């Protein structure tokens, strides 16, 4: 019986086992740091201080979580972060789609000029001082608008969505026009439904960026009731370490010295608790958009 030259041959069992072992080791290398931070946040303060934790928590201590959760200011900043993140995600999707749609139209006047106009601020920035002056002149300093307005527009995302829209056949647009649809209807009913992958990529990237953002808030927001979670956690960590260190320098004896040592240990463990608390929402949201990441990266690698 003649062999079929087009038959797909399966790899050897040995090679398959080696590949799976390598992938398992890579997964372990990526996941263990996350697991380590979680278990050390629940370990005894002395174990967290000396990093004497490997696979499971040593002891069980939730004092740092209790200290964090009982702070009302923390929940205020948490709500601020939710506002900033949600508004910026929705706004970024709207501005990116509405700006990218006309750039794919063959009937747009001076199309190359508009694209070049968008590319300029993507590569060149006016700098921090001009931005600060603009914020102050527009009355957005120390208001939520200082975070929301810059957070809903990205030239890079506009180019990214434009590149994806360019892959959609022009015949779909023309067919919709024949059926009587206007540009808004074409965008909402034709382009957006077929562009869910790139929209999901932009949404998760914007969400992560806003969730982890603190630098802009430290410059434009002096009112602590308007500041986001990350800036609050940074300030609380610095303050806790400063107070604990100053207390230790003051010395003490007996129960007072033990209390000071526990305060210092708890401040050190607070770092790991903050990492878990601040990254948990992102870790839960990431798997839902993971399948879109590869396609989004591939679109970003194309030029057009």
Protein backbone atom coordinates (compact mmCIF):
# COMPACT_ATOMS: atom_id res chain seq x y z
CA UNK A 1 0.00 0.00 0.00
CA UNK A 2 1.48 3.32 -1.10
CA UNK A 3 2.04 5.98 1.55
CA UNK A 4 0.13 9.19 1.26
CA UNK A 5 2.74 12.02 1.00
CA UNK A 6 0.13 14.60 2.17
CA UNK A 7 -0.67 12.79 5.41
CA UNK A 8 0.03 14.84 8.53
CA UNK A 9 2.42 13.02 10.82
CA UNK A 10 2.06 13.22 14.57
CA UNK A 11 5.13 14.13 16.60
CA UNK A 12 6.82 11.59 18.81
CA UNK A 13 5.53 11.01 22.32
CA UNK A 14 8.90 12.01 23.78
CA UNK A 15 8.86 15.39 22.09
CA UNK A 16 5.29 15.96 23.22
CA UNK A 17 6.15 15.17 26.84
CA UNK A 18 9.19 17.48 26.73
CA UNK A 19 7.10 20.33 25.30
CA UNK A 20 4.46 19.90 28.00
CA UNK A 21 7.11 19.86 30.72
CA UNK A 22 8.67 23.06 29.38
CA UNK A 23 5.25 24.75 29.18
CA UNK A 24 4.42 23.64 32.72
CA UNK A 25 7.69 25.08 34.01
CA UNK A 26 7.07 28.36 32.22
CA UNK A 27 3.56 28.53 33.67
CA UNK A 28 4.96 27.84 37.14
CA UNK A 29 7.55 30.59 36.74
CA UNK A 30 4.80 33.05 35.79
CA UNK A 31 2.26 32.02 38.43
CA UNK A 32 4.48 31.42 41.46
CA UNK A 33 5.28 35.13 42.10
CA UNK A 34 1.55 35.87 42.22
CA UNK A 35 0.94 32.96 44.56
CA UNK A 36 3.91 34.01 46.69
CA UNK A 37 2.55 37.50 47.23
CA UNK A 38 -0.85 36.07 48.20
CA UNK A 39 0.48 33.60 50.78
CA UNK A 40 2.92 36.09 52.26
CA UNK A 41 0.10 38.58 52.76
CA UNK A 42 -1.66 36.03 55.00
CA UNK A 43 1.44 34.86 56.86
CA UNK A 44 2.66 36.06 60.26
CA UNK A 45 4.28 39.52 60.13
CA UNK A 46 7.68 38.14 61.13
CA UNK A 47 7.51 35.61 58.28
CA UNK A 48 6.61 38.37 55.83
CA UNK A 49 9.45 40.51 57.15
CA UNK A 50 12.05 37.77 56.74
CA UNK A 51 10.45 36.35 53.54
CA UNK A 52 10.41 32.94 55.22
CA UNK A 53 7.49 31.67 53.13
CA UNK A 54 7.58 29.24 50.21
CA UNK A 55 4.44 27.26 49.32
CA UNK A 56 1.83 27.89 52.02
CA UNK A 57 1.30 30.71 54.53
CA UNK A 58 3.18 30.46 57.80
CA UNK A 59 0.58 31.05 60.43
CA UNK A 60 -2.54 33.00 59.53
CA UNK A 61 -2.60 36.77 59.95
CA UNK A 62 -5.24 39.12 58.53
CA UNK A 63 -4.33 42.22 60.50
CA UNK A 64 -3.07 44.08 57.44
CA UNK A 65 -6.31 43.36 55.55
CA UNK A 66 -8.36 44.49 58.54
CA UNK A 67 -6.31 47.66 58.79
CA UNK A 68 -6.87 48.37 55.10
CA UNK A 69 -10.57 47.56 54.97
CA UNK A 70 -11.51 49.61 58.02
CA UNK A 71 -10.16 52.80 56.47
CA UNK A 72 -13.09 54.79 55.04
CA UNK A 73 -10.75 56.88 52.91
CA UNK A 74 -9.65 53.74 51.11
CA UNK A 75 -13.23 53.00 50.00
CA UNK A 76 -13.64 56.61 48.83
CA UNK A 77 -10.56 56.33 46.63
CA UNK A 78 -11.71 52.89 45.47
CA UNK A 79 -14.96 54.45 44.27
CA UNK A 80 -12.99 57.20 42.53
CA UNK A 81 -10.94 54.61 40.70
CA UNK A 82 -14.09 52.83 39.56
CA UNK A 83 -15.45 56.13 38.23
CA UNK A 84 -12.24 57.03 36.42
CA UNK A 85 -11.78 53.55 34.97
CA UNK A 86 -15.36 53.05 33.80
CA UNK A 87 -15.76 56.52 32.27
CA UNK A 88 -12.38 56.34 30.54
CA UNK A 89 -13.10 52.89 29.10
CA UNK A 90 -16.44 53.95 27.64
CA UNK A 91 -15.06 57.29 26.45
CA UNK A 92 -12.00 55.70 24.89
CA UNK A 93 -14.13 53.26 22.90
CA UNK A 94 -16.39 56.04 21.66
CA UNK A 95 -13.66 58.46 20.64
CA UNK A 96 -11.50 55.77 19.06
CA UNK A 97 -14.33 54.37 16.96
CA UNK A 98 -15.75 57.74 15.90
CA UNK A 99 -12.33 59.11 14.95
CA UNK A 100 -11.20 55.95 13.16
CA UNK A 101 -14.33 55.44 11.08
CA UNK A 102 -13.97 58.49 8.77
CA UNK A 103 -10.26 57.77 8.34
CA UNK A 104 -11.17 54.54 6.53
CA UNK A 105 -13.56 56.23 4.12
CA UNK A 106 -12.23 56.64 0.57
CA UNK A 107 -14.28 59.83 0.26
CA UNK A 108 -12.65 61.69 3.16
CA UNK A 109 -11.14 64.98 1.99
CA UNK A 110 -7.39 65.31 2.68
CA UNK A 111 -7.28 61.90 4.28
CA UNK A 112 -3.49 61.73 4.50
CA UNK A 113 -3.36 65.16 6.12
CA UNK A 114 -5.76 64.07 8.87
CA UNK A 115 -3.78 60.90 9.50
CA UNK A 116 -0.56 62.89 9.72
CA UNK A 117 -2.26 65.35 12.08
CA UNK A 118 -3.15 62.44 14.39
CA UNK A 119 0.33 60.92 14.22
CA UNK A 120 2.09 64.09 15.41
CA UNK A 121 0.83 64.08 19.04
CA UNK A 122 1.35 60.33 19.17
CA UNK A 123 5.11 60.81 18.85
CA UNK A 124 5.59 64.32 20.23
CA UNK A 125 4.27 65.75 23.49
CA UNK A 126 4.22 69.31 24.78
CA UNK A 127 5.59 68.20 28.13
CA UNK A 128 4.35 68.31 31.68
CA UNK A 129 4.52 72.08 32.23
CA UNK A 130 2.38 73.02 29.19
CA UNK A 131 -0.11 70.33 30.16
CA UNK A 132 -0.30 71.70 33.68
CA UNK A 133 -0.85 75.24 32.36
CA UNK A 134 -3.62 74.05 30.05
CA UNK A 135 -5.33 72.19 32.91
CA UNK A 136 -5.17 75.29 35.09
CA UNK A 137 -6.41 77.67 32.38
CA UNK A 138 -9.34 75.40 31.55
CA UNK A 139 -10.33 75.17 35.21
CA UNK A 140 -9.81 71.43 35.40
CA UNK A 141 -7.07 71.53 38.05
CA UNK A 142 -8.12 69.67 41.20
CA UNK A 143 -11.27 68.35 39.53
CA UNK A 144 -12.21 64.95 38.14
CA UNK A 145 -11.97 66.37 34.62
CA UNK A 146 -8.19 66.49 34.94
CA UNK A 147 -8.22 62.68 34.89
CA UNK A 148 -11.26 62.01 32.73
CA UNK A 149 -10.63 64.33 29.76
CA UNK A 150 -7.08 63.15 28.91
CA UNK A 151 -8.12 59.58 29.68
CA UNK A 152 -10.77 59.28 26.98
CA UNK A 153 -8.58 60.05 23.95
CA UNK A 154 -5.57 58.16 22.64
CA UNK A 155 -4.02 58.75 19.23
CA UNK A 156 -2.48 55.30 19.31
CA UNK A 157 -5.86 53.64 19.84
CA UNK A 158 -7.38 55.70 17.03
CA UNK A 159 -4.70 54.42 14.64
CA UNK A 160 -5.18 50.89 15.98
CA UNK A 161 -8.94 50.94 15.40
CA UNK A 162 -8.45 52.55 11.99
CA UNK A 163 -6.14 49.71 11.00
CA UNK A 164 -8.73 47.17 12.08
CA UNK A 165 -11.57 49.00 10.33
CA UNK A 166 -9.48 48.99 7.16
CA UNK A 167 -9.67 45.17 7.12
CA UNK A 168 -13.47 45.30 6.88
CA UNK A 169 -14.57 45.06 3.22
CA UNK A 170 -15.76 48.36 1.78
CA UNK A 171 -18.63 46.46 0.18
CA UNK A 172 -20.33 46.24 3.58
CA UNK A 173 -20.37 50.01 3.87
CA UNK A 174 -21.70 50.44 0.34
CA UNK A 175 -24.38 47.80 0.90
CA UNK A 176 -25.53 49.58 4.03
CA UNK A 177 -25.67 52.88 2.14
CA UNK A 178 -27.83 51.29 -0.55
CA UNK A 179 -30.20 50.15 2.21
CA UNK A 180 -30.48 53.74 3.38
CA UNK A 181 -28.16 53.68 6.41
CA UNK A 182 -26.29 56.82 7.38
CA UNK A 183 -22.75 56.95 8.76
CA UNK A 184 -23.82 56.59 12.38
CA UNK A 185 -25.94 53.55 11.60
CA UNK A 186 -23.14 51.99 9.57
CA UNK A 187 -20.69 52.52 12.42
CA UNK A 188 -23.01 51.11 15.09
CA UNK A 189 -24.57 48.26 13.11
CA UNK A 190 -21.78 47.19 10.75
CA UNK A 191 -18.33 48.23 11.97
CA UNK A 192 -18.70 47.95 15.76
CA UNK A 193 -20.23 44.43 15.76
CA UNK A 194 -17.46 43.15 13.49
CA UNK A 195 -14.74 44.84 15.55
CA UNK A 196 -15.34 43.29 18.96
CA UNK A 197 -11.78 41.91 19.27
CA UNK A 198 -10.07 45.29 18.91
CA UNK A 199 -12.71 46.96 21.10
CA UNK A 200 -12.08 44.39 23.83
CA UNK A 201 -8.33 44.96 23.60
CA UNK A 202 -8.71 48.72 23.93
CA UNK A 203 -11.16 48.31 26.81
CA UNK A 204 -8.90 46.06 28.88
CA UNK A 205 -5.78 48.12 28.14
CA UNK A 206 -7.55 51.33 29.17
CA UNK A 207 -8.97 49.66 32.25
CA UNK A 208 -5.56 48.43 33.38
CA UNK A 209 -3.91 51.78 32.67
CA UNK A 210 -6.51 53.74 34.63
CA UNK A 211 -6.59 51.24 37.47
CA UNK A 212 -2.84 51.50 37.96
CA UNK A 213 -2.58 55.23 37.31
CA UNK A 214 -1.43 57.52 40.12
CA UNK A 215 1.14 59.95 38.67
CA UNK A 216 -1.33 62.26 36.94
CA UNK A 217 -3.51 62.35 40.05
CA UNK A 218 -0.50 63.26 42.21
CA UNK A 219 0.03 66.33 40.01
CA UNK A 220 -3.49 67.52 39.28
CA UNK A 221 -5.49 66.37 42.33
CA UNK A 222 -4.62 67.83 45.72
CA UNK A 223 -8.03 67.02 47.19
CA UNK A 224 -7.68 63.55 48.73
CA UNK A 225 -11.40 62.88 48.27
CA UNK A 226 -10.82 62.95 44.49
CA UNK A 227 -7.66 60.85 44.37
CA UNK A 228 -7.63 57.28 42.99
CA UNK A 229 -6.88 54.09 44.87
CA UNK A 230 -3.27 53.68 43.76
CA UNK A 231 -2.27 57.11 45.01
CA UNK A 232 -3.96 56.44 48.35
CA UNK A 233 -2.19 53.09 48.74
CA UNK A 234 1.14 54.70 47.91
CA UNK A 235 0.58 57.46 50.46
CA UNK A 236 -0.57 55.02 53.15
CA UNK A 237 2.40 52.73 52.63
CA UNK A 238 4.91 55.58 52.83
CA UNK A 239 3.22 56.91 55.96
CA UNK A 240 3.09 53.50 57.65
CA UNK A 241 6.77 52.84 57.02
CA UNK A 242 7.72 56.32 58.21
CA UNK A 243 5.76 56.06 61.47
CA UNK A 244 7.02 52.56 62.18
CA UNK A 245 10.63 53.52 61.53
CA UNK A 246 10.42 56.63 63.69
CA UNK A 247 8.84 54.62 66.49
CA UNK A 248 11.61 52.04 66.33
CA UNK A 249 14.26 54.77 66.50
CA UNK A 250 12.59 56.12 69.63
CA UNK A 251 13.34 52.87 71.39
CA UNK A 252 11.38 51.27 74.23
CA UNK A 253 11.33 48.36 76.58
CA UNK A 254 9.09 45.44 77.38
CA UNK A 255 5.60 45.46 75.91
CA UNK A 256 6.18 48.86 74.32
CA UNK A 257 9.14 47.57 72.34
CA UNK A 258 7.18 44.51 71.22
CA UNK A 259 4.33 46.71 70.08
CA UNK A 260 6.70 48.87 68.07
CA UNK A 261 8.27 45.83 66.43
CA UNK A 262 4.83 44.49 65.54
CA UNK A 263 3.95 47.86 64.02
CA UNK A 264 7.05 47.78 61.86
CA UNK A 265 6.40 44.20 60.79
CA UNK A 266 2.77 44.99 59.95
CA UNK A 267 3.87 47.98 57.86
CA UNK A 268 6.22 45.74 55.92
CA UNK A 269 3.50 43.15 55.32
CA UNK A 270 1.10 45.90 54.25
CA UNK A 271 2.99 46.11 50.95
CA UNK A 272 1.97 42.60 49.96
CA UNK A 273 -1.60 43.14 51.11
CA UNK A 274 -1.84 46.24 48.93
CA UNK A 275 -0.49 44.34 45.94
CA UNK A 276 -3.13 41.65 46.33
CA UNK A 277 -5.93 44.13 46.94
CA UNK A 278 -5.06 46.41 44.03
CA UNK A 279 -4.32 43.74 41.42
CA UNK A 280 -7.10 41.26 42.19
CA UNK A 281 -9.77 43.02 40.05
CA UNK A 282 -7.39 43.10 37.08
CA UNK A 283 -6.48 39.43 37.50
CA UNK A 284 -10.19 38.56 37.46
CA UNK A 285 -10.90 40.71 34.39
CA UNK A 286 -7.90 39.59 32.33
CA UNK A 287 -9.06 36.03 31.44
CA UNK A 288 -12.25 37.32 29.82
CA UNK A 289 -10.31 39.39 27.28
CA UNK A 290 -7.25 37.19 26.88
CA UNK A 291 -8.49 35.56 23.68
CA UNK A 292 -8.61 38.97 21.99
CA UNK A 293 -5.05 39.96 22.87
CA UNK A 294 -3.29 38.03 20.13
CA UNK A 295 -5.50 39.46 17.42
CA UNK A 296 -5.13 42.95 18.84
CA UNK A 297 -1.34 42.68 18.90
CA UNK A 298 -1.33 41.40 15.34
CA UNK A 299 -3.44 44.35 14.22
CA UNK A 300 -1.06 46.72 15.97
CA UNK A 301 1.84 45.24 14.05
CA UNK A 302 0.29 46.07 10.68
CA UNK A 303 0.91 49.33 8.89
CA UNK A 304 -1.67 51.17 6.90
